[in-house]
């Protein structure tokens, strides 16, 4: 029996897909949907572009499935629009939402659709890690207590639901035994971890530091109102957690922060960002939304000026997406032509900041970890700075090495010699 699985959207979805792969480990994986006996699409339903990609993928794979094959559609899009999609997608055999990933084998055997009312939160179920032989994402919570005006996630994933520290430690320890040494901890609002069950992100950091074999770790998706200076200081002090700070600020105008219901003021956000930036070898990533209802020319100019001045290492820019069941849905919308104009302007600033961050590494010795064959093919090794997260922060192409045998997942000192065509080139000098 052959299985073809597509995981769309964020890395939280990827973890759920890896759990499904674990439940279906008896299947042979195939890259060809037309030869698969089971096709699974784990959908994303966050914003319009993600929804369109999910629908397009369902239709394309539905047209390719062979006679007798089973097409399963699961995930956020299905949870959010279950009634409409079950009515409009006759090519789909099994529908499921965000609560039954660990029961996927049962659903396939019974050929039944199912929507468990509670979101699934792994407690250390068997996973088949994809994309890396040394790095794994670890989901520590689901749902979100924030009330951002533009976000529909709480409407279909519910309020914050944290795992226990013990279950996370058990999962990480098991992954270490399998050879994984590098971890990224993720959730919708990671810095709120434990607020529903009496624990805290700080407690989790301390516990992970005590697991022998964990070489590097990072926290993703910090939220301004639940991130404290004490938490930042704890990360900076850590010998395991790198100074990777991923905090989507979405805007910097106090007026827009209030309209977006972000909870934090510009002053507080800048205080947190400055504390992060002052950390040794700090790496800062953020996300921005432009064109949200209520955004004036003055708000937009304030945002652009801040992005030029602060110099984030990475900036993800999104055009506002009008989503049902959000506070912003009923507000007066900004004209699409103006949103596009603003998006193009901010993307230019973001690209300049990212390229500046890359260029700052040229002529320096930096600690990197080798991923394996590069995105440019077997002529180069692909590597990333130890602070960077997997895949999203870039790649250093290794075109020379003073170390005779380079090992995937191993950390090395690398001399960065060149930044050309949006690519960094480097030479491995010695092991770290």
Protein backbone atom coordinates (compact mmCIF):
# COMPACT_ATOMS: atom_id res chain seq x y z
CA UNK A 1 0.00 0.00 0.00
CA UNK A 2 1.34 3.41 -1.02
CA UNK A 3 0.75 6.77 0.67
CA UNK A 4 1.08 10.30 -0.70
CA UNK A 5 0.82 13.08 1.90
CA UNK A 6 0.85 16.84 1.34
CA UNK A 7 1.28 19.13 4.35
CA UNK A 8 0.28 22.75 3.69
CA UNK A 9 0.72 25.84 5.85
CA UNK A 10 2.83 26.22 8.96
CA UNK A 11 5.21 23.94 10.82
CA UNK A 12 2.52 23.26 13.42
CA UNK A 13 0.64 21.54 10.60
CA UNK A 14 3.84 19.70 9.72
CA UNK A 15 4.00 18.19 13.22
CA UNK A 16 0.42 16.92 12.81
CA UNK A 17 1.33 15.47 9.40
CA UNK A 18 4.33 13.69 10.94
CA UNK A 19 2.02 12.15 13.53
CA UNK A 20 -0.21 10.86 10.73
CA UNK A 21 2.87 9.41 9.04
CA UNK A 22 3.71 7.69 12.31
CA UNK A 23 0.26 6.11 12.46
CA UNK A 24 0.61 4.98 8.83
CA UNK A 25 4.22 3.80 9.00
CA UNK A 26 3.31 0.50 7.34
CA UNK A 27 2.60 2.36 4.10
CA UNK A 28 5.24 2.98 1.45
CA UNK A 29 5.59 6.70 0.78
CA UNK A 30 5.38 7.87 -2.82
CA UNK A 31 5.91 11.23 -4.51
CA UNK A 32 3.44 10.25 -7.25
CA UNK A 33 -0.18 10.81 -6.21
CA UNK A 34 -1.42 8.82 -9.21
CA UNK A 35 0.23 5.67 -7.81
CA UNK A 36 -0.94 6.13 -4.21
CA UNK A 37 -3.59 3.99 -2.55
CA UNK A 38 -4.15 6.73 0.03
CA UNK A 39 -3.73 10.47 -0.52
CA UNK A 40 -3.82 12.80 2.49
CA UNK A 41 -3.93 16.60 2.27
CA UNK A 42 -3.39 18.46 5.55
CA UNK A 43 -4.87 21.86 4.75
CA UNK A 44 -4.30 25.42 5.94
CA UNK A 45 -7.20 27.83 6.45
CA UNK A 46 -5.49 30.87 7.95
CA UNK A 47 -5.72 33.51 5.20
CA UNK A 48 -7.22 33.74 1.72
CA UNK A 49 -4.07 32.76 -0.20
CA UNK A 50 -3.61 29.67 2.01
CA UNK A 51 -7.25 28.69 1.55
CA UNK A 52 -6.93 29.01 -2.22
CA UNK A 53 -3.78 26.86 -2.21
CA UNK A 54 -5.56 24.19 -0.17
CA UNK A 55 -8.58 24.08 -2.51
CA UNK A 56 -6.35 24.01 -5.58
CA UNK A 57 -4.35 21.11 -4.14
CA UNK A 58 -7.50 19.14 -3.30
CA UNK A 59 -8.85 19.54 -6.84
CA UNK A 60 -5.53 18.69 -8.48
CA UNK A 61 -4.92 15.54 -6.45
CA UNK A 62 -8.56 14.54 -6.68
CA UNK A 63 -8.18 14.53 -10.46
CA UNK A 64 -5.00 12.41 -10.24
CA UNK A 65 -6.11 9.71 -7.81
CA UNK A 66 -6.35 6.26 -9.27
CA UNK A 67 -9.48 4.12 -9.21
CA UNK A 68 -10.07 2.70 -5.75
CA UNK A 69 -7.71 5.12 -4.03
CA UNK A 70 -8.81 7.01 -0.92
CA UNK A 71 -8.52 10.82 -0.76
CA UNK A 72 -8.43 12.22 2.78
CA UNK A 73 -8.70 15.95 3.48
CA UNK A 74 -7.97 17.11 7.01
CA UNK A 75 -6.65 20.12 8.90
CA UNK A 76 -7.57 23.74 9.50
CA UNK A 77 -9.46 24.49 6.29
CA UNK A 78 -11.69 21.46 6.83
CA UNK A 79 -12.31 22.40 10.45
CA UNK A 80 -13.22 25.94 9.51
CA UNK A 81 -15.45 25.21 6.51
CA UNK A 82 -16.54 21.62 7.09
CA UNK A 83 -20.16 21.95 5.98
CA UNK A 84 -19.41 23.82 2.75
CA UNK A 85 -16.49 21.63 1.74
CA UNK A 86 -18.23 18.34 2.43
CA UNK A 87 -21.02 19.54 0.18
CA UNK A 88 -18.80 20.88 -2.62
CA UNK A 89 -16.03 18.25 -2.84
CA UNK A 90 -17.49 14.91 -3.97
CA UNK A 91 -14.02 13.68 -5.00
CA UNK A 92 -13.00 13.53 -1.33
CA UNK A 93 -13.62 10.20 0.43
CA UNK A 94 -12.82 11.10 4.04
CA UNK A 95 -13.11 14.48 5.78
CA UNK A 96 -11.56 15.34 9.12
CA UNK A 97 -10.68 18.47 11.06
CA UNK A 98 -8.03 19.27 13.67
CA UNK A 99 -8.91 16.67 16.30
CA UNK A 100 -8.21 13.26 14.82
CA UNK A 101 -4.65 13.11 13.49
CA UNK A 102 -3.75 10.22 15.78
CA UNK A 103 -6.82 8.29 14.58
CA UNK A 104 -6.09 8.66 10.87
CA UNK A 105 -5.45 4.92 10.45
CA UNK A 106 -8.87 4.12 11.97
CA UNK A 107 -10.62 6.61 9.69
CA UNK A 108 -9.00 5.10 6.60
CA UNK A 109 -9.90 1.54 7.61
CA UNK A 110 -13.53 2.49 8.31
CA UNK A 111 -13.79 4.93 5.38
CA UNK A 112 -15.59 7.33 7.72
CA UNK A 113 -15.33 11.08 8.17
CA UNK A 114 -14.94 12.43 11.70
CA UNK A 115 -14.73 15.80 13.45
CA UNK A 116 -13.77 15.45 17.10
CA UNK A 117 -14.86 18.70 18.80
CA UNK A 118 -11.55 19.27 20.60
CA UNK A 119 -8.31 20.19 18.82
CA UNK A 120 -5.70 17.42 18.86
CA UNK A 121 -2.70 18.05 21.08
CA UNK A 122 -0.02 15.40 20.92
CA UNK A 123 1.19 13.82 24.13
CA UNK A 124 4.25 12.27 22.56
CA UNK A 125 2.71 10.09 19.86
CA UNK A 126 5.03 8.33 17.44
CA UNK A 127 6.12 10.62 14.62
CA UNK A 128 8.10 10.23 11.42
CA UNK A 129 10.23 13.36 11.24
CA UNK A 130 10.53 14.79 7.74
CA UNK A 131 12.98 17.22 6.15
CA UNK A 132 15.91 16.74 8.52
CA UNK A 133 17.95 14.02 10.16
CA UNK A 134 18.91 16.14 13.17
CA UNK A 135 16.24 18.85 13.67
CA UNK A 136 12.63 18.47 14.86
CA UNK A 137 9.77 20.85 15.57
CA UNK A 138 8.02 20.31 18.89
CA UNK A 139 4.48 21.64 19.31
CA UNK A 140 3.90 22.66 22.91
CA UNK A 141 0.38 24.11 22.79
CA UNK A 142 -2.66 24.62 20.59
CA UNK A 143 -5.27 27.35 20.37
CA UNK A 144 -4.90 30.99 21.36
CA UNK A 145 -6.31 33.36 24.00
CA UNK A 146 -5.43 36.52 22.05
CA UNK A 147 -8.17 38.52 20.33
CA UNK A 148 -6.38 40.02 17.33
CA UNK A 149 -8.88 41.73 15.04
CA UNK A 150 -7.59 40.03 11.88
CA UNK A 151 -7.18 36.43 13.07
CA UNK A 152 -9.77 33.66 12.91
CA UNK A 153 -7.63 30.94 14.52
CA UNK A 154 -9.40 31.04 17.93
CA UNK A 155 -12.76 30.45 16.17
CA UNK A 156 -11.73 27.01 14.93
CA UNK A 157 -8.85 26.04 17.23
CA UNK A 158 -10.28 27.39 20.46
CA UNK A 159 -8.55 28.79 23.50
CA UNK A 160 -5.00 28.01 24.62
CA UNK A 161 -4.41 24.39 25.54
CA UNK A 162 -0.89 23.63 26.75
CA UNK A 163 0.83 20.29 27.03
CA UNK A 164 2.41 19.33 30.32
CA UNK A 165 6.10 20.04 30.73
CA UNK A 166 6.60 16.34 31.50
CA UNK A 167 5.07 15.20 28.19
CA UNK A 168 7.25 17.61 26.20
CA UNK A 169 10.40 16.54 28.03
CA UNK A 170 9.51 12.90 27.38
CA UNK A 171 9.05 13.58 23.64
CA UNK A 172 12.30 15.53 23.32
CA UNK A 173 14.23 12.86 25.23
CA UNK A 174 12.82 10.20 22.92
CA UNK A 175 13.80 12.25 19.84
CA UNK A 176 17.32 12.63 21.25
CA UNK A 177 17.54 8.85 21.52
CA UNK A 178 16.63 8.73 17.82
CA UNK A 179 19.54 11.04 17.01
CA UNK A 180 17.88 14.48 16.95
CA UNK A 181 19.87 17.27 18.59
CA UNK A 182 18.31 20.54 17.39
CA UNK A 183 14.75 21.62 18.30
CA UNK A 184 12.30 24.44 17.57
CA UNK A 185 9.42 24.85 20.02
CA UNK A 186 6.22 26.12 18.43
CA UNK A 187 2.61 27.09 19.15
CA UNK A 188 0.17 29.80 18.08
CA UNK A 189 1.31 31.93 21.03
CA UNK A 190 4.35 30.17 22.45
CA UNK A 191 5.06 32.75 25.16
CA UNK A 192 1.63 32.04 26.72
CA UNK A 193 2.58 28.39 27.22
CA UNK A 194 1.45 27.02 30.58
CA UNK A 195 -0.88 29.86 31.52
CA UNK A 196 -3.80 27.43 31.43
CA UNK A 197 -2.24 24.64 33.50
CA UNK A 198 0.01 26.35 36.04
CA UNK A 199 3.34 25.92 34.27
CA UNK A 200 5.30 28.44 32.17
CA UNK A 201 7.61 28.77 29.21
CA UNK A 202 10.45 29.54 31.62
CA UNK A 203 9.84 26.25 33.42
CA UNK A 204 9.91 24.42 30.09
CA UNK A 205 13.17 26.08 29.07
CA UNK A 206 14.79 24.98 32.33
CA UNK A 207 13.52 21.42 31.88
CA UNK A 208 14.77 21.16 28.27
CA UNK A 209 18.20 22.43 29.36
CA UNK A 210 18.41 19.39 31.62
CA UNK A 211 17.95 16.87 28.79
CA UNK A 212 21.30 15.36 27.87
CA UNK A 213 21.89 15.40 24.14
CA UNK A 214 19.99 18.58 23.27
CA UNK A 215 22.60 20.74 21.57
CA UNK A 216 20.49 23.67 20.35
CA UNK A 217 16.93 24.92 20.75
CA UNK A 218 14.90 28.00 19.89
CA UNK A 219 11.47 29.45 20.66
CA UNK A 220 9.18 30.54 17.81
CA UNK A 221 6.17 32.89 17.79
CA UNK A 222 6.54 35.12 20.82
CA UNK A 223 3.63 37.48 21.47
CA UNK A 224 4.33 41.04 22.74
CA UNK A 225 1.92 40.99 25.69
CA UNK A 226 3.05 37.60 27.00
CA UNK A 227 6.79 38.07 26.47
CA UNK A 228 8.64 39.54 29.41
CA UNK A 229 12.10 40.98 29.88
CA UNK A 230 12.71 38.16 32.36
CA UNK A 231 11.92 35.55 29.68
CA UNK A 232 14.30 37.23 27.25
CA UNK A 233 17.02 37.31 29.91
CA UNK A 234 16.49 33.59 30.61
CA UNK A 235 16.93 32.74 26.93
CA UNK A 236 20.08 34.89 26.76
CA UNK A 237 21.56 33.10 29.80
CA UNK A 238 20.81 29.66 28.40
CA UNK A 239 23.60 27.43 27.11
CA UNK A 240 21.08 25.46 25.03
CA UNK A 241 18.57 27.99 23.70
CA UNK A 242 20.08 30.25 21.05
CA UNK A 243 19.29 33.96 20.93
CA UNK A 244 16.62 33.53 18.27
CA UNK A 245 13.72 35.91 18.77
CA UNK A 246 10.68 35.53 16.54
CA UNK A 247 8.04 38.10 17.48
CA UNK A 248 5.48 39.13 14.83
CA UNK A 249 4.72 42.73 15.80
CA UNK A 250 2.22 43.24 12.89
CA UNK A 251 2.50 47.05 13.23
CA UNK A 252 4.23 49.75 15.25
CA UNK A 253 1.71 52.60 15.16
CA UNK A 254 -0.10 52.86 18.51
CA UNK A 255 -3.29 53.66 16.62
CA UNK A 256 -3.03 50.47 14.55
CA UNK A 257 -1.92 48.31 17.47
CA UNK A 258 -5.13 49.36 19.20
CA UNK A 259 -7.29 48.78 16.12
CA UNK A 260 -5.68 45.37 15.64
CA UNK A 261 -6.29 44.55 19.31
CA UNK A 262 -2.68 43.59 19.86
CA UNK A 263 -2.65 44.65 23.51
CA UNK A 264 0.88 46.12 23.56
CA UNK A 265 1.96 49.68 22.90
CA UNK A 266 4.74 50.74 20.55
CA UNK A 267 6.85 51.70 23.55
CA UNK A 268 6.54 48.22 25.06
CA UNK A 269 7.28 46.50 21.76
CA UNK A 270 10.40 48.61 21.25
CA UNK A 271 11.53 47.86 24.82
CA UNK A 272 11.28 44.12 24.15
CA UNK A 273 12.97 44.36 20.75
CA UNK A 274 15.86 46.41 22.12
CA UNK A 275 16.41 43.83 24.88
CA UNK A 276 16.48 41.10 22.24
CA UNK A 277 18.82 43.02 19.96
CA UNK A 278 21.29 43.65 22.79
CA UNK A 279 21.81 39.91 23.31
CA UNK A 280 25.05 38.43 21.91
CA UNK A 281 24.63 36.95 18.41
CA UNK A 282 20.95 37.80 18.49
CA UNK A 283 18.74 37.04 15.51
CA UNK A 284 15.39 38.84 15.17
CA UNK A 285 12.50 37.82 12.94
CA UNK A 286 9.14 39.58 12.73
CA UNK A 287 5.91 39.64 10.75
CA UNK A 288 4.02 42.67 9.43
CA UNK A 289 0.47 43.16 8.12
CA UNK A 290 -0.25 46.09 5.79
CA UNK A 291 -3.61 47.37 4.64
CA UNK A 292 -5.57 46.45 7.76
CA UNK A 293 -8.81 48.44 8.07
CA UNK A 294 -8.13 51.80 9.68
CA UNK A 295 -4.50 52.06 8.52
CA UNK A 296 -3.86 55.68 7.51
CA UNK A 297 -1.02 57.07 5.45
CA UNK A 298 0.54 58.35 8.68
CA UNK A 299 0.32 54.89 10.30
CA UNK A 300 1.93 53.32 7.27
CA UNK A 301 4.76 55.85 7.12
CA UNK A 302 5.46 55.31 10.82
CA UNK A 303 5.72 51.57 10.18
CA UNK A 304 8.07 52.03 7.22
CA UNK A 305 10.32 54.40 9.13
CA UNK A 306 10.57 51.98 12.05
CA UNK A 307 11.45 49.06 9.77
CA UNK A 308 14.19 51.12 8.11
CA UNK A 309 15.66 52.12 11.46
CA UNK A 310 15.46 48.93 13.51
CA UNK A 311 16.96 46.51 10.94
CA UNK A 312 15.36 43.17 11.66
CA UNK A 313 17.24 40.15 10.33
CA UNK A 314 14.14 38.72 8.69
CA UNK A 315 10.75 40.30 7.97
CA UNK A 316 7.69 38.45 6.66
CA UNK A 317 5.22 40.84 5.05
CA UNK A 318 1.55 40.06 4.47
CA UNK A 319 -1.29 41.97 2.90
CA UNK A 320 -4.33 42.09 5.17
CA UNK A 321 -6.72 39.22 4.44
CA UNK A 322 -10.39 39.82 5.22
CA UNK A 323 -11.54 36.80 7.21
CA UNK A 324 -15.03 35.86 8.36
CA UNK A 325 -15.69 35.79 12.11
CA UNK A 326 -13.03 38.38 12.86
CA UNK A 327 -13.49 41.86 14.30
CA UNK A 328 -11.91 43.47 11.24
CA UNK A 329 -14.28 41.76 8.80
CA UNK A 330 -17.03 44.34 9.30
CA UNK A 331 -14.73 47.38 9.36
CA UNK A 332 -14.38 49.72 6.40
CA UNK A 333 -11.77 48.10 4.18
CA UNK A 334 -8.72 49.79 2.67
CA UNK A 335 -8.86 49.89 -1.14
CA UNK A 336 -7.12 46.88 -2.69
CA UNK A 337 -5.01 49.08 -4.97
CA UNK A 338 -3.68 50.96 -1.94
CA UNK A 339 -3.01 47.71 -0.06
CA UNK A 340 -0.99 46.45 -3.03
CA UNK A 341 0.97 49.71 -3.22
CA UNK A 342 1.78 49.56 0.49
CA UNK A 343 2.69 45.88 0.28
CA UNK A 344 5.18 46.54 -2.51
CA UNK A 345 6.75 49.41 -0.56
CA UNK A 346 7.18 47.38 2.64
CA UNK A 347 8.50 44.35 0.76
CA UNK A 348 11.23 46.56 -0.67
CA UNK A 349 12.22 47.72 2.82
CA UNK A 350 12.09 44.12 4.09
CA UNK A 351 14.33 42.86 1.28
CA UNK A 352 16.85 45.61 1.98
CA UNK A 353 16.90 44.67 5.68
CA UNK A 354 17.30 40.95 4.92
CA UNK A 355 20.11 41.55 2.42
CA UNK A 356 21.82 43.84 4.92
CA UNK A 357 21.64 41.06 7.51
CA UNK A 358 23.18 38.60 5.05
CA UNK A 359 25.95 41.04 4.04
CA UNK A 360 26.85 41.63 7.70
CA UNK A 361 28.15 38.03 7.83
CA UNK A 362 30.65 38.45 4.99
CA UNK A 363 34.24 38.36 6.23
CA UNK A 364 33.24 36.78 9.56
CA UNK A 365 33.67 33.40 11.17
CA UNK A 366 30.26 32.07 12.20
CA UNK A 367 29.03 28.85 13.76
CA UNK A 368 26.93 26.85 11.29
CA UNK A 369 25.26 23.48 11.19
CA UNK A 370 25.36 21.44 7.97
CA UNK A 371 21.98 20.42 6.54
CA UNK A 372 23.25 18.18 3.72
CA UNK A 373 23.01 18.73 -0.02
CA UNK A 374 22.26 22.38 -0.80
CA UNK A 375 19.24 23.79 -2.58
CA UNK A 376 21.60 24.41 -5.51
CA UNK A 377 22.37 20.72 -5.83
CA UNK A 378 25.20 18.36 -4.92
CA UNK A 379 27.96 20.81 -5.90
CA UNK A 380 27.56 22.48 -2.49
CA UNK A 381 26.73 21.56 1.06
CA UNK A 382 23.89 23.58 2.49
CA UNK A 383 24.40 25.06 5.96
CA UNK A 384 22.72 27.55 8.26
CA UNK A 385 23.90 29.63 11.17
CA UNK A 386 23.19 27.81 14.42
CA UNK A 387 20.83 30.63 15.46
CA UNK A 388 18.65 30.28 12.35
CA UNK A 389 15.53 28.16 12.22
CA UNK A 390 15.25 25.35 9.72
CA UNK A 391 14.59 26.41 6.10
CA UNK A 392 12.95 29.80 6.64
CA UNK A 393 15.99 31.94 7.48
CA UNK A 394 18.30 31.17 4.58
CA UNK A 395 21.21 29.03 3.53
CA UNK A 396 24.99 29.27 3.32
CA UNK A 397 26.47 27.41 0.37
CA UNK A 398 29.66 25.63 1.41
CA UNK A 399 32.06 25.54 -1.55
CA UNK A 400 35.21 24.53 0.34
CA UNK A 401 36.23 22.84 3.58
CA UNK A 402 39.35 22.45 5.66
CA UNK A 403 37.64 19.51 7.39
CA UNK A 404 38.11 16.30 5.45
CA UNK A 405 34.82 14.64 6.33
CA UNK A 406 31.84 16.95 6.79
CA UNK A 407 28.92 15.45 8.74
CA UNK A 408 25.26 16.43 8.42
CA UNK A 409 23.89 17.87 11.66
CA UNK A 410 27.36 18.71 12.96
CA UNK A 411 28.31 22.27 13.94
CA UNK A 412 31.38 23.90 12.39
CA UNK A 413 33.10 27.24 12.28
CA UNK A 414 32.64 28.69 8.83
CA UNK A 415 34.28 31.65 7.10
CA UNK A 416 31.68 33.53 5.06
CA UNK A 417 33.47 34.78 1.97
CA UNK A 418 30.82 36.24 -0.29
CA UNK A 419 27.21 37.35 -0.72
CA UNK A 420 26.28 37.13 -4.37
CA UNK A 421 22.90 36.77 -6.08
CA UNK A 422 21.18 36.61 -2.68
CA UNK A 423 23.40 33.66 -1.74
CA UNK A 424 26.06 33.40 0.94
CA UNK A 425 29.19 31.39 0.19
CA UNK A 426 31.44 29.99 2.88
CA UNK A 427 34.32 27.67 3.76
CA UNK A 428 34.29 25.28 6.70
CA UNK A 429 37.30 25.87 8.94
CA UNK A 430 37.00 23.46 11.87
CA UNK A 431 34.48 21.77 14.16
CA UNK A 432 32.84 23.78 16.93
